[in-house]
PDB file of N, CA and C in Angstrom:
ATOM      1  N   UNK A   1     119.849 121.377  69.927  1.00  0.00           N
ATOM      2  CA  UNK A   1     119.092 120.715  71.040  1.00  0.00           C
ATOM      3  C   UNK A   1     117.944 120.123  70.574  1.00  0.00           C
ATOM      4  N   UNK A   2     117.170 120.635  69.645  1.00  0.00           N
ATOM      5  CA  UNK A   2     115.929 120.086  69.009  1.00  0.00           C
ATOM      6  C   UNK A   2     116.116 118.866  68.689  1.00  0.00           C
ATOM      7  N   UNK A   3     117.275 118.399  67.982  1.00  0.00           N
ATOM      8  CA  UNK A   3     117.606 117.215  67.296  1.00  0.00           C
ATOM      9  C   UNK A   3     117.636 116.549  68.552  1.00  0.00           C
ATOM     10  N   UNK A   4     117.956 116.742  69.578  1.00  0.00           N
ATOM     11  CA  UNK A   4     118.698 115.478  70.700  1.00  0.00           C
ATOM     12  C   UNK A   4     117.291 115.310  71.302  1.00  0.00           C
ATOM     13  N   UNK A   5     116.265 116.233  71.737  1.00  0.00           N
ATOM     14  CA  UNK A   5     115.030 116.161  72.082  1.00  0.00           C
ATOM     15  C   UNK A   5     113.963 115.215  71.192  1.00  0.00           C
ATOM     16  N   UNK A   6     114.199 115.341  70.096  1.00  0.00           N
ATOM     17  CA  UNK A   6     113.124 114.739  69.152  1.00  0.00           C
ATOM     18  C   UNK A   6     113.766 113.417  68.930  1.00  0.00           C
ATOM     19  N   UNK A   7     114.677 112.853  69.286  1.00  0.00           N
ATOM     20  CA  UNK A   7     115.392 111.726  69.049  1.00  0.00           C
ATOM     21  C   UNK A   7     114.866 111.187  70.704  1.00  0.00           C
ATOM     22  N   UNK A   8     115.088 111.607  71.735  1.00  0.00           N
ATOM     23  CA  UNK A   8     114.682 110.865  73.112  1.00  0.00           C
ATOM     24  C   UNK A   8     113.296 111.225  73.415  1.00  0.00           C
ATOM     25  N   UNK A   9     112.412 111.650  72.945  1.00  0.00           N
ATOM     26  CA  UNK A   9     111.296 111.477  72.927  1.00  0.00           C
ATOM     27  C   UNK A   9     110.574 110.275  72.813  1.00  0.00           C
ATOM     28  N   UNK A  10     109.825 109.849  73.545  1.00  0.00           N
ATOM     29  CA  UNK A  10     109.259 108.588  73.613  1.00  0.00           C
ATOM     30  C   UNK A  10     107.665 108.565  72.865  1.00  0.00           C
ATOM     31  N   UNK A  11     107.719 109.295  71.766  1.00  0.00           N
ATOM     32  CA  UNK A  11     106.403 109.169  70.893  1.00  0.00           C
ATOM     33  C   UNK A  11     106.583 108.274  69.644  1.00  0.00           C
ATOM     34  N   UNK A  12     106.001 107.439  70.039  1.00  0.00           N
ATOM     35  CA  UNK A  12     105.329 106.528  68.712  1.00  0.00           C
ATOM     36  C   UNK A  12     104.285 106.249  68.239  1.00  0.00           C
ATOM     37  N   UNK A  13     103.879 106.069  66.984  1.00  0.00           N
ATOM     38  CA  UNK A  13     102.821 106.152  66.342  1.00  0.00           C
ATOM     39  C   UNK A  13     101.867 104.830  66.473  1.00  0.00           C
ATOM     40  N   UNK A  14     100.805 104.853  65.949  1.00  0.00           N
ATOM     41  CA  UNK A  14      99.580 103.457  66.593  1.00  0.00           C
ATOM     42  C   UNK A  14     100.526 102.148  65.815  1.00  0.00           C
ATOM     43  N   UNK A  15     100.823 102.228  64.526  1.00  0.00           N
ATOM     44  CA  UNK A  15     101.229 100.886  63.924  1.00  0.00           C
ATOM     45  C   UNK A  15     102.646 100.744  64.781  1.00  0.00           C
ATOM     46  N   UNK A  16     103.413 101.602  65.309  1.00  0.00           N
ATOM     47  CA  UNK A  16     104.609 101.242  66.209  1.00  0.00           C
ATOM     48  C   UNK A  16     104.119 100.837  67.283  1.00  0.00           C
ATOM     49  N   UNK A  17     102.996 101.069  68.015  1.00  0.00           N
ATOM     50  CA  UNK A  17     102.625 100.126  69.223  1.00  0.00           C
ATOM     51  C   UNK A  17     102.401  99.291  69.087  1.00  0.00           C
ATOM     52  N   UNK A  18     102.010  98.969  67.852  1.00  0.00           N
ATOM     53  CA  UNK A  18     101.096  97.542  67.194  1.00  0.00           C
ATOM     54  C   UNK A  18     102.524  96.690  67.600  1.00  0.00           C
ATOM     55  N   UNK A  19     103.445  97.171  66.685  1.00  0.00           N
ATOM     56  CA  UNK A  19     104.749  96.300  66.511  1.00  0.00           C
ATOM     57  C   UNK A  19     105.650  96.186  67.860  1.00  0.00           C
ATOM     58  N   UNK A  20     105.428  97.164  68.635  1.00  0.00           N
ATOM     59  CA  UNK A  20     106.197  97.188  70.176  1.00  0.00           C
ATOM     60  C   UNK A  20     105.467  95.985  70.719  1.00  0.00           C
ATOM     61  N   UNK A  21     104.218  95.702  70.963  1.00  0.00           N
ATOM     62  CA  UNK A  21     103.563  94.854  71.761  1.00  0.00           C
ATOM     63  C   UNK A  21     103.799  93.522  71.018  1.00  0.00           C
ATOM     64  N   UNK A  22     103.554  93.577  69.797  1.00  0.00           N
ATOM     65  CA  UNK A  22     104.069  91.856  69.065  1.00  0.00           C
ATOM     66  C   UNK A  22     105.640  91.778  69.218  1.00  0.00           C
ATOM     67  N   UNK A  23     106.548  92.613  69.006  1.00  0.00           N
ATOM     68  CA  UNK A  23     107.736  92.094  69.586  1.00  0.00           C
ATOM     69  C   UNK A  23     108.183  91.457  71.141  1.00  0.00           C
ATOM     70  N   UNK A  24     107.332  92.017  71.842  1.00  0.00           N
ATOM     71  CA  UNK A  24     107.557  91.831  73.286  1.00  0.00           C
ATOM     72  C   UNK A  24     106.851  90.861  73.520  1.00  0.00           C
ATOM     73  N   UNK A  25     106.062  90.240  72.860  1.00  0.00           N
ATOM     74  CA  UNK A  25     105.038  88.821  73.510  1.00  0.00           C
ATOM     75  C   UNK A  25     105.918  88.238  72.583  1.00  0.00           C
ATOM     76  N   UNK A  26     106.493  88.374  71.593  1.00  0.00           N
ATOM     77  CA  UNK A  26     106.906  87.258  70.890  1.00  0.00           C
ATOM     78  C   UNK A  26     108.316  86.489  71.698  1.00  0.00           C
ATOM     79  N   UNK A  27     109.174  87.845  72.089  1.00  0.00           N
ATOM     80  CA  UNK A  27     110.293  87.786  72.767  1.00  0.00           C
ATOM     81  C   UNK A  27     110.144  87.171  74.321  1.00  0.00           C
ATOM     82  N   UNK A  28     109.408  87.610  74.880  1.00  0.00           N
ATOM     83  CA  UNK A  28     108.849  87.072  76.085  1.00  0.00           C
ATOM     84  C   UNK A  28     108.278  85.588  76.011  1.00  0.00           C
ATOM     85  N   UNK A  29     107.911  84.856  75.243  1.00  0.00           N
ATOM     86  CA  UNK A  29     107.368  83.822  74.865  1.00  0.00           C
ATOM     87  C   UNK A  29     108.021  82.572  74.427  1.00  0.00           C
ATOM     88  N   UNK A  30     109.196  83.212  73.718  1.00  0.00           N
ATOM     89  CA  UNK A  30     110.076  82.412  73.367  1.00  0.00           C
ATOM     90  C   UNK A  30     111.178  82.012  74.269  1.00  0.00           C
ATOM     91  N   UNK A  31     111.511  83.288  74.862  1.00  0.00           N
ATOM     92  CA  UNK A  31     112.237  83.076  75.821  1.00  0.00           C
ATOM     93  C   UNK A  31     112.037  82.182  77.132  1.00  0.00           C
ATOM     94  N   UNK A  32     110.397  82.403  77.827  1.00  0.00           N
ATOM     95  CA  UNK A  32     110.166  81.606  78.090  1.00  0.00           C
ATOM     96  C   UNK A  32     109.845  80.276  78.247  1.00  0.00           C
ATOM     97  N   UNK A  33     109.592  79.989  76.861  1.00  0.00           N
ATOM     98  CA  UNK A  33     109.739  78.511  76.540  1.00  0.00           C
ATOM     99  C   UNK A  33     111.090  77.531  76.194  1.00  0.00           C
ATOM    100  N   UNK A  34     112.033  78.870  75.935  1.00  0.00           N
ATOM    101  CA  UNK A  34     113.524  78.301  76.016  1.00  0.00           C
ATOM    102  C   UNK A  34     113.985  78.123  77.670  1.00  0.00           C
ATOM    103  N   UNK A  35     113.531  79.041  78.520  1.00  0.00           N
ATOM    104  CA  UNK A  35     113.911  78.833  79.709  1.00  0.00           C
ATOM    105  C   UNK A  35     113.432  77.584  80.749  1.00  0.00           C
ATOM    106  N   UNK A  36     112.432  77.341  79.868  1.00  0.00           N
ATOM    107  CA  UNK A  36     111.462  75.936  80.805  1.00  0.00           C
ATOM    108  C   UNK A  36     112.423  74.787  80.460  1.00  0.00           C
ATOM    109  N   UNK A  37     112.577  74.560  78.850  1.00  0.00           N
ATOM    110  CA  UNK A  37     113.144  73.694  78.353  1.00  0.00           C
ATOM    111  C   UNK A  37     114.627  73.365  78.991  1.00  0.00           C
ATOM    112  N   UNK A  38     115.543  74.451  78.810  1.00  0.00           N
ATOM    113  CA  UNK A  38     116.619  74.442  79.207  1.00  0.00           C
ATOM    114  C   UNK A  38     116.696  74.151  80.754  1.00  0.00           C
ATOM    115  N   UNK A  39     115.817  74.573  81.682  1.00  0.00           N
ATOM    116  CA  UNK A  39     116.143  74.236  83.090  1.00  0.00           C
ATOM    117  C   UNK A  39     115.463  72.783  83.187  1.00  0.00           C
ATOM    118  N   UNK A  40     114.681  72.085  82.316  1.00  0.00           N
ATOM    119  CA  UNK A  40     114.019  71.172  82.752  1.00  0.00           C
ATOM    120  C   UNK A  40     115.027  70.116  82.136  1.00  0.00           C
ATOM    121  N   UNK A  41     115.818  70.514  80.966  1.00  0.00           N
ATOM    122  CA  UNK A  41     116.816  69.279  80.516  1.00  0.00           C
ATOM    123  C   UNK A  41     117.849  69.380  81.422  1.00  0.00           C
ATOM    124  N   UNK A  42     118.493  70.573  82.108  1.00  0.00           N
ATOM    125  CA  UNK A  42     119.369  70.342  83.206  1.00  0.00           C
ATOM    126  C   UNK A  42     118.943  70.316  84.587  1.00  0.00           C
ATOM    127  N   UNK A  43     117.687  70.385  84.649  1.00  0.00           N
ATOM    128  CA  UNK A  43     117.044  70.151  86.136  1.00  0.00           C
ATOM    129  C   UNK A  43     118.044  71.161  86.981  1.00  0.00           C
ATOM    130  N   UNK A  44     118.002  72.226  86.543  1.00  0.00           N
ATOM    131  CA  UNK A  44     118.723  73.497  87.332  1.00  0.00           C
ATOM    132  C   UNK A  44     117.639  74.989  87.248  1.00  0.00           C
ATOM    133  N   UNK A  45     117.347  75.254  88.281  1.00  0.00           N
ATOM    134  CA  UNK A  45     116.344  76.292  88.427  1.00  0.00           C
ATOM    135  C   UNK A  45     117.050  77.635  87.818  1.00  0.00           C
ATOM    136  N   UNK A  46     118.140  77.938  87.849  1.00  0.00           N
ATOM    137  CA  UNK A  46     119.125  79.018  87.725  1.00  0.00           C
ATOM    138  C   UNK A  46     119.261  79.124  86.359  1.00  0.00           C
ATOM    139  N   UNK A  47     119.693  78.210  85.828  1.00  0.00           N
ATOM    140  CA  UNK A  47     119.213  78.678  84.118  1.00  0.00           C
ATOM    141  C   UNK A  47     117.930  78.950  83.627  1.00  0.00           C
ATOM    142  N   UNK A  48     116.804  78.578  83.976  1.00  0.00           N
ATOM    143  CA  UNK A  48     116.004  79.020  83.977  1.00  0.00           C
ATOM    144  C   UNK A  48     115.592  80.738  84.161  1.00  0.00           C
ATOM    145  N   UNK A  49     115.828  80.874  85.332  1.00  0.00           N
ATOM    146  CA  UNK A  49     115.751  82.163  85.727  1.00  0.00           C
ATOM    147  C   UNK A  49     116.574  83.106  84.934  1.00  0.00           C
ATOM    148  N   UNK A  50     118.329  82.773  84.577  1.00  0.00           N
ATOM    149  CA  UNK A  50     118.851  83.587  83.735  1.00  0.00           C
ATOM    150  C   UNK A  50     118.305  83.697  82.404  1.00  0.00           C
ATOM    151  N   UNK A  51     117.909  82.791  81.676  1.00  0.00           N
ATOM    152  CA  UNK A  51     117.323  83.127  80.484  1.00  0.00           C
ATOM    153  C   UNK A  51     116.058  83.738  80.337  1.00  0.00           C
ATOM    154  N   UNK A  52     115.446  83.679  81.179  1.00  0.00           N
ATOM    155  CA  UNK A  52     114.087  84.319  81.742  1.00  0.00           C
ATOM    156  C   UNK A  52     114.249  85.611  81.498  1.00  0.00           C
ATOM    157  N   UNK A  53     115.244  86.308  82.835  1.00  0.00           N
ATOM    158  CA  UNK A  53     115.925  87.478  82.801  1.00  0.00           C
ATOM    159  C   UNK A  53     116.432  88.115  81.609  1.00  0.00           C
ATOM    160  N   UNK A  54     116.971  87.172  80.861  1.00  0.00           N
ATOM    161  CA  UNK A  54     117.890  87.808  79.629  1.00  0.00           C
ATOM    162  C   UNK A  54     116.964  88.142  78.523  1.00  0.00           C
ATOM    163  N   UNK A  55     115.661  87.232  78.510  1.00  0.00           N
ATOM    164  CA  UNK A  55     114.667  87.634  77.205  1.00  0.00           C
ATOM    165  C   UNK A  55     114.163  88.862  77.562  1.00  0.00           C
ATOM    166  N   UNK A  56     113.960  89.023  79.107  1.00  0.00           N
ATOM    167  CA  UNK A  56     113.145  90.168  79.551  1.00  0.00           C
ATOM    168  C   UNK A  56     113.793  91.634  79.371  1.00  0.00           C
ATOM    169  N   UNK A  57     115.058  91.183  79.401  1.00  0.00           N
ATOM    170  CA  UNK A  57     115.941  92.646  79.018  1.00  0.00           C
ATOM    171  C   UNK A  57     116.467  92.943  77.947  1.00  0.00           C
ATOM    172  N   UNK A  58     116.426  92.015  76.720  1.00  0.00           N
ATOM    173  CA  UNK A  58     116.320  92.127  75.419  1.00  0.00           C
ATOM    174  C   UNK A  58     114.936  92.579  74.626  1.00  0.00           C
ATOM    175  N   UNK A  59     113.655  92.259  75.262  1.00  0.00           N
ATOM    176  CA  UNK A  59     112.376  92.652  75.150  1.00  0.00           C
ATOM    177  C   UNK A  59     112.555  94.107  75.600  1.00  0.00           C
ATOM    178  N   UNK A  60     113.103  94.502  76.609  1.00  0.00           N
ATOM    179  CA  UNK A  60     113.023  95.717  77.354  1.00  0.00           C
ATOM    180  C   UNK A  60     113.902  96.929  76.136  1.00  0.00           C
ATOM    181  N   UNK A  61     114.807  96.116  76.026  1.00  0.00           N
ATOM    182  CA  UNK A  61     115.918  97.039  74.844  1.00  0.00           C
ATOM    183  C   UNK A  61     115.371  97.195  73.561  1.00  0.00           C
ATOM    184  N   UNK A  62     114.641  96.212  73.307  1.00  0.00           N
ATOM    185  CA  UNK A  62     113.976  96.263  71.750  1.00  0.00           C
ATOM    186  C   UNK A  62     112.679  97.369  71.948  1.00  0.00           C
ATOM    187  N   UNK A  63     112.318  97.567  72.895  1.00  0.00           N
ATOM    188  CA  UNK A  63     110.705  98.289  72.721  1.00  0.00           C
ATOM    189  C   UNK A  63     110.754  99.250  73.637  1.00  0.00           C
ATOM    190  N   UNK A  64     111.870  99.515  74.559  1.00  0.00           N
ATOM    191  CA  UNK A  64     111.824 100.795  75.474  1.00  0.00           C
ATOM    192  C   UNK A  64     111.839 101.947  74.795  1.00  0.00           C
ATOM    193  N   UNK A  65     112.910 101.870  74.232  1.00  0.00           N
ATOM    194  CA  UNK A  65     113.772 103.115  73.480  1.00  0.00           C
ATOM    195  C   UNK A  65     112.662 103.604  72.116  1.00  0.00           C
ATOM    196  N   UNK A  66     112.696 104.745  71.729  1.00  0.00           N
ATOM    197  CA  UNK A  66     111.812 105.233  70.940  1.00  0.00           C
ATOM    198  C   UNK A  66     112.212 104.794  69.326  1.00  0.00           C
ATOM    199  N   UNK A  67     112.704 103.585  68.923  1.00  0.00           N
ATOM    200  CA  UNK A  67     113.746 103.672  67.693  1.00  0.00           C
ATOM    201  C   UNK A  67     112.746 103.977  66.719  1.00  0.00           C
ATOM    202  N   UNK A  68     113.465 104.150  65.331  1.00  0.00           N
ATOM    203  CA  UNK A  68     113.109 104.717  64.441  1.00  0.00           C
ATOM    204  C   UNK A  68     111.876 103.675  63.888  1.00  0.00           C
ATOM    205  N   UNK A  69     111.960 102.680  63.984  1.00  0.00           N
ATOM    206  CA  UNK A  69     110.890 101.575  63.314  1.00  0.00           C
ATOM    207  C   UNK A  69     109.476 101.708  64.077  1.00  0.00           C
ATOM    208  N   UNK A  70     109.420 102.567  64.938  1.00  0.00           N
ATOM    209  CA  UNK A  70     108.306 102.825  65.915  1.00  0.00           C
ATOM    210  C   UNK A  70     107.746 104.074  65.385  1.00  0.00           C
ATOM    211  N   UNK A  71     108.079 104.985  64.368  1.00  0.00           N
ATOM    212  CA  UNK A  71     107.678 106.410  64.104  1.00  0.00           C
ATOM    213  C   UNK A  71     107.439 106.518  63.069  1.00  0.00           C
ATOM    214  N   UNK A  72     106.971 104.971  61.782  1.00  0.00           N
ATOM    215  CA  UNK A  72     107.290 105.409  60.645  1.00  0.00           C
ATOM    216  C   UNK A  72     105.829 105.841  60.221  1.00  0.00           C
ATOM    217  N   UNK A  73     104.686 105.756  60.837  1.00  0.00           N
ATOM    218  CA  UNK A  73     103.399 106.153  60.364  1.00  0.00           C
ATOM    219  C   UNK A  73     102.913 107.200  61.581  1.00  0.00           C
ATOM    220  N   UNK A  74     103.598 108.578  60.949  1.00  0.00           N
ATOM    221  CA  UNK A  74     102.925 109.537  61.975  1.00  0.00           C
ATOM    222  C   UNK A  74     101.350 110.018  61.686  1.00  0.00           C
ATOM    223  N   UNK A  75     101.097 110.352  62.484  1.00  0.00           N
ATOM    224  CA  UNK A  75      99.367 111.210  62.237  1.00  0.00           C
ATOM    225  C   UNK A  75      99.631 112.334  62.287  1.00  0.00           C
ATOM    226  N   UNK A  76      98.552 112.879  61.202  1.00  0.00           N
ATOM    227  CA  UNK A  76      98.243 114.483  60.921  1.00  0.00           C
ATOM    228  C   UNK A  76      97.087 114.748  61.905  1.00  0.00           C
ATOM    229  N   UNK A  77      97.504 115.760  62.482  1.00  0.00           N
ATOM    230  CA  UNK A  77      96.192 116.059  63.331  1.00  0.00           C
ATOM    231  C   UNK A  77      95.830 117.416  62.514  1.00  0.00           C
ATOM    232  N   UNK A  78      94.510 117.869  62.614  1.00  0.00           N
ATOM    233  CA  UNK A  78      93.786 119.211  62.150  1.00  0.00           C
ATOM    234  C   UNK A  78      94.575 120.177  62.647  1.00  0.00           C
ATOM    235  N   UNK A  79      94.867 121.510  62.107  1.00  0.00           N
ATOM    236  CA  UNK A  79      94.979 122.544  62.647  1.00  0.00           C
ATOM    237  C   UNK A  79      94.490 123.212  64.387  1.00  0.00           C
ATOM    238  N   UNK A  80      94.803 123.860  64.968  1.00  0.00           N
ATOM    239  CA  UNK A  80      94.345 124.514  66.236  1.00  0.00           C
ATOM    240  C   UNK A  80      93.407 125.320  65.542  1.00  0.00           C
ATOM    241  N   UNK A  81      92.443 125.462  66.302  1.00  0.00           N
ATOM    242  CA  UNK A  81      91.176 126.676  65.875  1.00  0.00           C
ATOM    243  C   UNK A  81      90.208 126.183  64.937  1.00  0.00           C
ATOM    244  N   UNK A  82      88.730 126.435  64.968  1.00  0.00           N
ATOM    245  CA  UNK A  82      88.076 126.093  64.663  1.00  0.00           C
ATOM    246  C   UNK A  82      86.617 126.950  65.082  1.00  0.00           C
ATOM    247  N   UNK A  83      85.939 125.840  65.417  1.00  0.00           N
ATOM    248  CA  UNK A  83      84.166 126.163  65.765  1.00  0.00           C
ATOM    249  C   UNK A  83      84.408 126.257  67.503  1.00  0.00           C
ATOM    250  N   UNK A  84      83.858 127.509  67.837  1.00  0.00           N
ATOM    251  CA  UNK A  84      83.627 127.277  69.079  1.00  0.00           C
ATOM    252  C   UNK A  84      82.575 127.234  69.920  1.00  0.00           C
ATOM    253  N   UNK A  85      82.595 126.180  70.735  1.00  0.00           N
ATOM    254  CA  UNK A  85      81.014 125.748  71.254  1.00  0.00           C
ATOM    255  C   UNK A  85      80.630 126.211  72.688  1.00  0.00           C
ATOM    256  N   UNK A  86      79.335 126.684  72.936  1.00  0.00           N
ATOM    257  CA  UNK A  86      79.319 127.194  73.994  1.00  0.00           C
ATOM    258  C   UNK A  86      78.217 126.682  74.492  1.00  0.00           C
ATOM    259  N   UNK A  87      77.730 126.330  75.941  1.00  0.00           N
ATOM    260  CA  UNK A  87      76.333 125.845  76.366  1.00  0.00           C
ATOM    261  C   UNK A  87      75.540 127.248  76.360  1.00  0.00           C
ATOM    262  N   UNK A  88      74.088 126.588  76.026  1.00  0.00           N
ATOM    263  CA  UNK A  88      73.157 127.765  75.945  1.00  0.00           C
ATOM    264  C   UNK A  88      72.487 127.865  77.162  1.00  0.00           C
ATOM    265  N   UNK A  89      72.218 126.414  78.038  1.00  0.00           N
ATOM    266  CA  UNK A  89      72.021 126.641  79.321  1.00  0.00           C
ATOM    267  C   UNK A  89      72.589 126.659  80.250  1.00  0.00           C
ATOM    268  N   UNK A  90      73.779 126.938  80.350  1.00  0.00           N
ATOM    269  CA  UNK A  90      74.631 127.020  81.319  1.00  0.00           C
ATOM    270  C   UNK A  90      74.754 125.764  82.085  1.00  0.00           C
ATOM    271  N   UNK A  91      74.345 124.486  81.624  1.00  0.00           N
ATOM    272  CA  UNK A  91      74.165 123.460  82.231  1.00  0.00           C
ATOM    273  C   UNK A  91      75.459 122.758  81.645  1.00  0.00           C
ATOM    274  N   UNK A  92      76.373 122.351  82.473  1.00  0.00           N
ATOM    275  CA  UNK A  92      77.571 121.523  81.725  1.00  0.00           C
ATOM    276  C   UNK A  92      77.350 120.250  81.679  1.00  0.00           C
ATOM    277  N   UNK A  93      76.165 119.873  82.162  1.00  0.00           N
ATOM    278  CA  UNK A  93      76.024 118.143  82.508  1.00  0.00           C
ATOM    279  C   UNK A  93      75.226 117.715  81.029  1.00  0.00           C
ATOM    280  N   UNK A  94      74.278 118.610  80.394  1.00  0.00           N
ATOM    281  CA  UNK A  94      73.545 118.070  79.278  1.00  0.00           C
ATOM    282  C   UNK A  94      72.746 119.186  78.580  1.00  0.00           C
ATOM    283  N   UNK A  95      73.305 120.445  78.856  1.00  0.00           N
ATOM    284  CA  UNK A  95      72.311 121.351  78.304  1.00  0.00           C
ATOM    285  C   UNK A  95      72.657 121.407  76.514  1.00  0.00           C
ATOM    286  N   UNK A  96      71.595 121.877  75.976  1.00  0.00           N
ATOM    287  CA  UNK A  96      72.106 122.050  74.089  1.00  0.00           C
ATOM    288  C   UNK A  96      73.114 123.021  74.297  1.00  0.00           C
ATOM    289  N   UNK A  97      73.863 122.459  72.696  1.00  0.00           N
ATOM    290  CA  UNK A  97      75.110 122.961  72.629  1.00  0.00           C
ATOM    291  C   UNK A  97      74.590 124.325  71.090  1.00  0.00           C
ATOM    292  N   UNK A  98      75.435 125.319  70.859  1.00  0.00           N
ATOM    293  CA  UNK A  98      74.892 126.511  70.220  1.00  0.00           C
ATOM    294  C   UNK A  98      76.675 126.371  69.603  1.00  0.00           C
ATOM    295  N   UNK A  99      76.675 126.477  68.139  1.00  0.00           N
ATOM    296  CA  UNK A  99      77.716 126.868  67.844  1.00  0.00           C
ATOM    297  C   UNK A  99      77.711 127.939  66.809  1.00  0.00           C
ATOM    298  N   UNK A 100      78.888 128.417  67.279  1.00  0.00           N
ATOM    299  CA  UNK A 100      79.296 129.823  66.913  1.00  0.00           C
ATOM    300  C   UNK A 100      80.167 129.941  65.535  1.00  0.00           C
ATOM    301  N   UNK A 101      79.919 130.729  64.464  1.00  0.00           N
ATOM    302  CA  UNK A 101      81.354 130.721  63.497  1.00  0.00           C
ATOM    303  C   UNK A 101      82.085 131.759  63.858  1.00  0.00           C
ATOM    304  N   UNK A 102      82.760 131.988  64.843  1.00  0.00           N
ATOM    305  CA  UNK A 102      83.693 132.435  65.076  1.00  0.00           C
ATOM    306  C   UNK A 102      84.980 131.286  65.686  1.00  0.00           C
ATOM    307  N   UNK A 103      86.018 131.868  64.659  1.00  0.00           N
ATOM    308  CA  UNK A 103      87.293 131.159  65.094  1.00  0.00           C
ATOM    309  C   UNK A 103      88.124 131.296  66.303  1.00  0.00           C
ATOM    310  N   UNK A 104      88.449 130.355  67.119  1.00  0.00           N
ATOM    311  CA  UNK A 104      89.209 130.597  67.942  1.00  0.00           C
ATOM    312  C   UNK A 104      90.932 130.902  68.036  1.00  0.00           C
ATOM    313  N   UNK A 105      91.574 131.889  68.557  1.00  0.00           N
ATOM    314  CA  UNK A 105      92.830 132.008  68.386  1.00  0.00           C
ATOM    315  C   UNK A 105      93.462 131.764  69.706  1.00  0.00           C
TER     316      UNK A 105
END
């Protein structure tokens, strides 16, 4: 069950986000240009709409599922726990902070 969930989770890394944005922009621009040219040459708006919608569907299928190419550079986070910070004055807006050497569990 965990394998299925890890496949379906939509977590992608920052490089994957950049790639997804680039792919989306490229696919939509190319399909828009192609749709305009075909619609203009054939003088038919129907083909323009169909080609534009097809480009949108292709971009959706290429970007929305969390494909493996978007997960190649995972982030490594620091382990939980560390220095606990408490407010000295009790003022949450801008009081001085005091660090304690206790680990948070």
